[in-house]
Amino acid sequence: MENISIKIPPNKIYIKSIRLFTASLASDLGFNIEKVEDLRVVVSEAINYKLSDEAITVEFLPEDESLSIKVIGKDKSLDERALKMRDLILKELADEVNISEDAIEITQKA
């Protein structure tokens, strides 16, 4: 399956559209409703923490049995408590999470 890349301006208004796209893609890939909802939450969280003053790129990397989503952008300034909460949410709801300074990559298995 082809990879998809979407670039959004640094505005929270676009998060809803990315959430809907994520849910639709995951559903088309055969994910159950619980996994679809988990993906909607984690993509929204990842975008929120990368939403600063620069555009964000969201890459969707579908495979036969999984979907990886990479949110690329500049980190917001966050305190330690907010970072721990972000990590907790992402790691609880996704099968795999890789966090770096310029990207958050989430993988969910179907």
N, C-alpha and C. Protein backbone atom coordinates (compact mmCIF):
# COMPACT_ATOMS: atom_id res chain seq x y z
N MET A 1 0.84 -1.19 0.00
CA MET A 1 0.00 0.00 0.00
C MET A 1 0.88 1.25 0.00
N GLU A 2 0.39 2.31 -0.58
CA GLU A 2 1.18 3.53 -0.70
C GLU A 2 1.22 4.31 0.61
N ASN A 3 2.33 5.01 0.81
CA ASN A 3 2.46 5.92 1.95
C ASN A 3 1.75 7.22 1.60
N ILE A 4 1.25 7.89 2.62
CA ILE A 4 0.51 9.14 2.45
C ILE A 4 1.16 10.19 3.34
N SER A 5 1.31 11.38 2.82
CA SER A 5 1.90 12.48 3.58
C SER A 5 0.97 13.69 3.49
N ILE A 6 0.64 14.26 4.65
CA ILE A 6 -0.22 15.44 4.71
C ILE A 6 0.50 16.51 5.51
N LYS A 7 0.58 17.70 4.95
CA LYS A 7 1.21 18.83 5.64
C LYS A 7 0.10 19.79 6.07
N ILE A 8 0.11 20.14 7.37
CA ILE A 8 -0.92 21.05 7.87
C ILE A 8 -0.28 22.29 8.49
N PRO A 9 -0.96 23.42 8.36
CA PRO A 9 -0.47 24.65 9.00
C PRO A 9 -0.52 24.51 10.52
N PRO A 10 0.22 25.35 11.23
CA PRO A 10 0.23 25.27 12.70
C PRO A 10 -1.04 25.86 13.31
N ASN A 11 -2.15 25.16 13.12
CA ASN A 11 -3.44 25.62 13.63
C ASN A 11 -4.24 24.41 14.11
N LYS A 12 -4.75 24.46 15.33
CA LYS A 12 -5.47 23.32 15.92
C LYS A 12 -6.71 22.92 15.15
N ILE A 13 -7.23 23.81 14.33
CA ILE A 13 -8.45 23.52 13.59
C ILE A 13 -8.30 22.29 12.68
N TYR A 14 -7.09 21.98 12.26
CA TYR A 14 -6.86 20.87 11.33
C TYR A 14 -6.73 19.51 12.03
N ILE A 15 -6.62 19.50 13.34
CA ILE A 15 -6.48 18.23 14.06
C ILE A 15 -7.69 17.34 13.83
N LYS A 16 -8.88 17.91 13.85
CA LYS A 16 -10.09 17.12 13.64
C LYS A 16 -10.08 16.41 12.29
N SER A 17 -9.63 17.11 11.26
CA SER A 17 -9.57 16.50 9.92
C SER A 17 -8.58 15.34 9.88
N ILE A 18 -7.44 15.50 10.52
CA ILE A 18 -6.44 14.42 10.56
C ILE A 18 -6.98 13.24 11.37
N ARG A 19 -7.69 13.52 12.46
CA ARG A 19 -8.30 12.44 13.24
C ARG A 19 -9.28 11.64 12.39
N LEU A 20 -10.12 12.34 11.63
CA LEU A 20 -11.10 11.67 10.77
C LEU A 20 -10.42 10.85 9.68
N PHE A 21 -9.38 11.41 9.08
CA PHE A 21 -8.64 10.69 8.05
C PHE A 21 -8.00 9.43 8.65
N THR A 22 -7.42 9.57 9.83
CA THR A 22 -6.79 8.44 10.51
C THR A 22 -7.80 7.33 10.76
N ALA A 23 -8.97 7.70 11.28
CA ALA A 23 -10.01 6.71 11.57
C ALA A 23 -10.49 6.02 10.30
N SER A 24 -10.67 6.78 9.25
CA SER A 24 -11.13 6.21 7.98
C SER A 24 -10.10 5.24 7.40
N LEU A 25 -8.84 5.64 7.41
CA LEU A 25 -7.77 4.78 6.89
C LEU A 25 -7.65 3.50 7.72
N ALA A 26 -7.65 3.63 9.04
CA ALA A 26 -7.54 2.45 9.91
C ALA A 26 -8.72 1.50 9.70
N SER A 27 -9.90 2.05 9.56
CA SER A 27 -11.08 1.23 9.31
C SER A 27 -10.96 0.50 7.97
N ASP A 28 -10.51 1.21 6.94
CA ASP A 28 -10.31 0.58 5.63
C ASP A 28 -9.25 -0.52 5.67
N LEU A 29 -8.30 -0.40 6.59
CA LEU A 29 -7.25 -1.41 6.73
C LEU A 29 -7.68 -2.60 7.59
N GLY A 30 -8.91 -2.56 8.12
CA GLY A 30 -9.44 -3.68 8.88
C GLY A 30 -9.25 -3.62 10.38
N PHE A 31 -8.88 -2.47 10.91
CA PHE A 31 -8.74 -2.32 12.36
C PHE A 31 -10.12 -2.37 13.01
N ASN A 32 -10.20 -2.98 14.21
CA ASN A 32 -11.47 -2.98 14.93
C ASN A 32 -11.72 -1.59 15.52
N ILE A 33 -12.94 -1.35 15.97
CA ILE A 33 -13.34 -0.02 16.42
C ILE A 33 -12.50 0.48 17.59
N GLU A 34 -12.09 -0.41 18.49
CA GLU A 34 -11.27 0.00 19.63
C GLU A 34 -9.90 0.52 19.17
N LYS A 35 -9.29 -0.20 18.24
CA LYS A 35 -7.99 0.23 17.71
C LYS A 35 -8.12 1.54 16.92
N VAL A 36 -9.23 1.69 16.19
CA VAL A 36 -9.47 2.92 15.44
C VAL A 36 -9.54 4.10 16.40
N GLU A 37 -10.29 3.94 17.49
CA GLU A 37 -10.42 5.02 18.47
C GLU A 37 -9.08 5.32 19.14
N ASP A 38 -8.31 4.29 19.45
CA ASP A 38 -6.98 4.51 20.03
C ASP A 38 -6.09 5.32 19.08
N LEU A 39 -6.14 4.98 17.80
CA LEU A 39 -5.34 5.72 16.81
C LEU A 39 -5.78 7.18 16.71
N ARG A 40 -7.07 7.42 16.77
CA ARG A 40 -7.57 8.81 16.73
C ARG A 40 -7.01 9.61 17.90
N VAL A 41 -7.00 9.01 19.07
CA VAL A 41 -6.50 9.71 20.26
C VAL A 41 -5.00 9.95 20.14
N VAL A 42 -4.23 8.93 19.77
CA VAL A 42 -2.78 9.10 19.75
C VAL A 42 -2.32 10.07 18.66
N VAL A 43 -2.98 10.08 17.51
CA VAL A 43 -2.58 11.02 16.47
C VAL A 43 -2.89 12.45 16.91
N SER A 44 -4.00 12.62 17.58
CA SER A 44 -4.36 13.93 18.10
C SER A 44 -3.37 14.40 19.17
N GLU A 45 -2.99 13.51 20.07
CA GLU A 45 -2.00 13.85 21.11
C GLU A 45 -0.65 14.19 20.48
N ALA A 46 -0.23 13.39 19.53
CA ALA A 46 1.07 13.64 18.89
C ALA A 46 1.08 14.99 18.18
N ILE A 47 0.01 15.31 17.48
CA ILE A 47 -0.05 16.61 16.80
C ILE A 47 -0.06 17.74 17.81
N ASN A 48 -0.83 17.59 18.87
CA ASN A 48 -0.88 18.65 19.90
C ASN A 48 0.50 18.98 20.45
N TYR A 49 1.33 17.97 20.63
CA TYR A 49 2.66 18.21 21.21
C TYR A 49 3.68 18.67 20.18
N LYS A 50 3.36 18.55 18.92
CA LYS A 50 4.25 19.05 17.87
C LYS A 50 3.75 20.37 17.29
N LEU A 51 2.58 20.81 17.71
CA LEU A 51 1.98 22.03 17.16
C LEU A 51 2.63 23.26 17.78
N SER A 52 3.49 23.89 17.01
CA SER A 52 4.15 25.11 17.48
C SER A 52 3.90 26.20 16.45
N ASP A 53 4.93 26.89 16.05
CA ASP A 53 4.77 27.97 15.08
C ASP A 53 5.14 27.56 13.66
N GLU A 54 5.36 26.28 13.43
CA GLU A 54 5.73 25.79 12.11
C GLU A 54 4.73 24.73 11.65
N ALA A 55 4.66 24.52 10.34
CA ALA A 55 3.79 23.50 9.78
C ALA A 55 4.21 22.11 10.28
N ILE A 56 3.26 21.21 10.27
CA ILE A 56 3.49 19.83 10.70
C ILE A 56 3.22 18.90 9.52
N THR A 57 4.04 17.88 9.39
CA THR A 57 3.81 16.85 8.37
C THR A 57 3.38 15.58 9.09
N VAL A 58 2.30 14.98 8.60
CA VAL A 58 1.82 13.71 9.16
C VAL A 58 1.95 12.67 8.05
N GLU A 59 2.76 11.65 8.32
CA GLU A 59 2.98 10.58 7.34
C GLU A 59 2.26 9.32 7.82
N PHE A 60 1.54 8.71 6.91
CA PHE A 60 0.83 7.46 7.18
C PHE A 60 1.53 6.37 6.40
N LEU A 61 1.96 5.31 7.11
CA LEU A 61 2.73 4.23 6.50
C LEU A 61 1.97 2.91 6.72
N PRO A 62 0.99 2.62 5.87
CA PRO A 62 0.19 1.41 6.04
C PRO A 62 0.94 0.15 5.60
N GLU A 63 0.77 -0.90 6.36
CA GLU A 63 1.31 -2.22 6.03
C GLU A 63 0.15 -3.21 6.05
N ASP A 64 0.44 -4.48 5.76
CA ASP A 64 -0.62 -5.49 5.75
C ASP A 64 -1.30 -5.64 7.11
N GLU A 65 -0.53 -5.63 8.17
CA GLU A 65 -1.07 -5.89 9.50
C GLU A 65 -0.89 -4.74 10.48
N SER A 66 -0.47 -3.57 10.00
CA SER A 66 -0.23 -2.45 10.92
C SER A 66 -0.33 -1.11 10.20
N LEU A 67 -0.38 -0.06 11.00
CA LEU A 67 -0.35 1.30 10.49
C LEU A 67 0.60 2.10 11.36
N SER A 68 1.59 2.71 10.72
CA SER A 68 2.49 3.61 11.43
C SER A 68 2.15 5.03 11.01
N ILE A 69 2.18 5.92 11.99
CA ILE A 69 1.90 7.33 11.75
C ILE A 69 3.06 8.12 12.33
N LYS A 70 3.64 8.96 11.51
CA LYS A 70 4.78 9.77 11.93
C LYS A 70 4.37 11.24 11.87
N VAL A 71 4.44 11.91 13.02
CA VAL A 71 4.12 13.33 13.11
C VAL A 71 5.44 14.08 13.22
N ILE A 72 5.73 14.86 12.19
CA ILE A 72 7.02 15.54 12.11
C ILE A 72 6.81 17.04 12.31
N GLY A 73 7.52 17.58 13.26
CA GLY A 73 7.42 19.01 13.53
C GLY A 73 8.29 19.39 14.70
N LYS A 74 8.30 20.65 14.98
CA LYS A 74 9.09 21.19 16.07
C LYS A 74 8.34 21.00 17.39
N ASP A 75 9.05 20.54 18.41
CA ASP A 75 8.43 20.38 19.73
C ASP A 75 7.97 21.70 20.30
N LYS A 76 6.84 21.65 20.98
CA LYS A 76 6.40 22.78 21.78
C LYS A 76 7.24 22.80 23.05
N SER A 77 7.30 23.95 23.68
CA SER A 77 7.94 24.03 24.99
C SER A 77 6.98 23.42 26.00
N LEU A 78 7.43 22.37 26.67
CA LEU A 78 6.58 21.67 27.62
C LEU A 78 7.33 21.44 28.92
N ASP A 79 6.58 21.47 30.01
CA ASP A 79 7.22 21.15 31.27
C ASP A 79 7.32 19.62 31.41
N GLU A 80 8.09 19.20 32.36
CA GLU A 80 8.36 17.77 32.55
C GLU A 80 7.07 16.97 32.79
N ARG A 81 6.15 17.54 33.53
CA ARG A 81 4.89 16.85 33.84
C ARG A 81 4.07 16.61 32.56
N ALA A 82 4.00 17.62 31.70
CA ALA A 82 3.26 17.48 30.44
C ALA A 82 3.90 16.43 29.54
N LEU A 83 5.22 16.39 29.51
CA LEU A 83 5.93 15.38 28.71
C LEU A 83 5.65 13.97 29.22
N LYS A 84 5.64 13.81 30.52
CA LYS A 84 5.35 12.49 31.09
C LYS A 84 3.92 12.05 30.77
N MET A 85 2.98 13.00 30.82
CA MET A 85 1.59 12.69 30.49
C MET A 85 1.47 12.30 29.02
N ARG A 86 2.14 13.03 28.14
CA ARG A 86 2.13 12.70 26.71
C ARG A 86 2.65 11.29 26.49
N ASP A 87 3.79 11.00 27.08
CA ASP A 87 4.40 9.68 26.91
C ASP A 87 3.50 8.58 27.44
N LEU A 88 2.86 8.81 28.57
CA LEU A 88 1.97 7.82 29.17
C LEU A 88 0.79 7.52 28.25
N ILE A 89 0.16 8.57 27.74
CA ILE A 89 -1.00 8.39 26.85
C ILE A 89 -0.58 7.64 25.59
N LEU A 90 0.49 8.08 24.96
CA LEU A 90 0.92 7.45 23.71
C LEU A 90 1.31 6.00 23.90
N LYS A 91 2.07 5.72 24.94
CA LYS A 91 2.56 4.35 25.16
C LYS A 91 1.45 3.42 25.63
N GLU A 92 0.42 3.96 26.27
CA GLU A 92 -0.70 3.14 26.72
C GLU A 92 -1.60 2.72 25.55
N LEU A 93 -1.77 3.61 24.59
CA LEU A 93 -2.74 3.36 23.52
C LEU A 93 -2.14 2.81 22.23
N ALA A 94 -0.84 2.96 22.02
CA ALA A 94 -0.21 2.48 20.78
C ALA A 94 0.64 1.25 21.08
N ASP A 95 0.82 0.41 20.07
CA ASP A 95 1.67 -0.77 20.24
C ASP A 95 3.14 -0.40 20.31
N GLU A 96 3.55 0.58 19.52
CA GLU A 96 4.94 1.05 19.54
C GLU A 96 4.96 2.56 19.43
N VAL A 97 5.87 3.19 20.19
CA VAL A 97 6.02 4.64 20.15
C VAL A 97 7.50 4.98 20.13
N ASN A 98 7.90 5.83 19.19
CA ASN A 98 9.26 6.35 19.15
C ASN A 98 9.17 7.86 19.14
N ILE A 99 9.78 8.49 20.14
CA ILE A 99 9.72 9.94 20.27
C ILE A 99 11.12 10.51 20.12
N SER A 100 11.25 11.45 19.20
CA SER A 100 12.51 12.17 19.04
C SER A 100 12.21 13.67 19.04
N GLU A 101 13.25 14.45 18.95
CA GLU A 101 13.07 15.90 18.99
C GLU A 101 12.22 16.41 17.82
N ASP A 102 12.36 15.78 16.66
CA ASP A 102 11.65 16.29 15.49
C ASP A 102 10.47 15.43 15.03
N ALA A 103 10.21 14.30 15.70
CA ALA A 103 9.11 13.45 15.26
C ALA A 103 8.59 12.54 16.37
N ILE A 104 7.33 12.19 16.24
CA ILE A 104 6.72 11.16 17.07
C ILE A 104 6.19 10.11 16.10
N GLU A 105 6.64 8.87 16.25
CA GLU A 105 6.17 7.79 15.39
C GLU A 105 5.40 6.78 16.22
N ILE A 106 4.21 6.49 15.75
CA ILE A 106 3.29 5.59 16.45
C ILE A 106 2.99 4.42 15.52
N THR A 107 3.01 3.21 16.05
CA THR A 107 2.63 2.04 15.25
C THR A 107 1.54 1.28 16.00
N GLN A 108 0.49 0.95 15.27
CA GLN A 108 -0.61 0.17 15.82
C GLN A 108 -0.79 -1.05 14.93
N LYS A 109 -0.90 -2.21 15.55
CA LYS A 109 -1.12 -3.45 14.80
C LYS A 109 -2.62 -3.72 14.76
N ALA A 110 -3.07 -4.25 13.62
CA ALA A 110 -4.50 -4.51 13.42
C ALA A 110 -5.01 -5.60 14.33
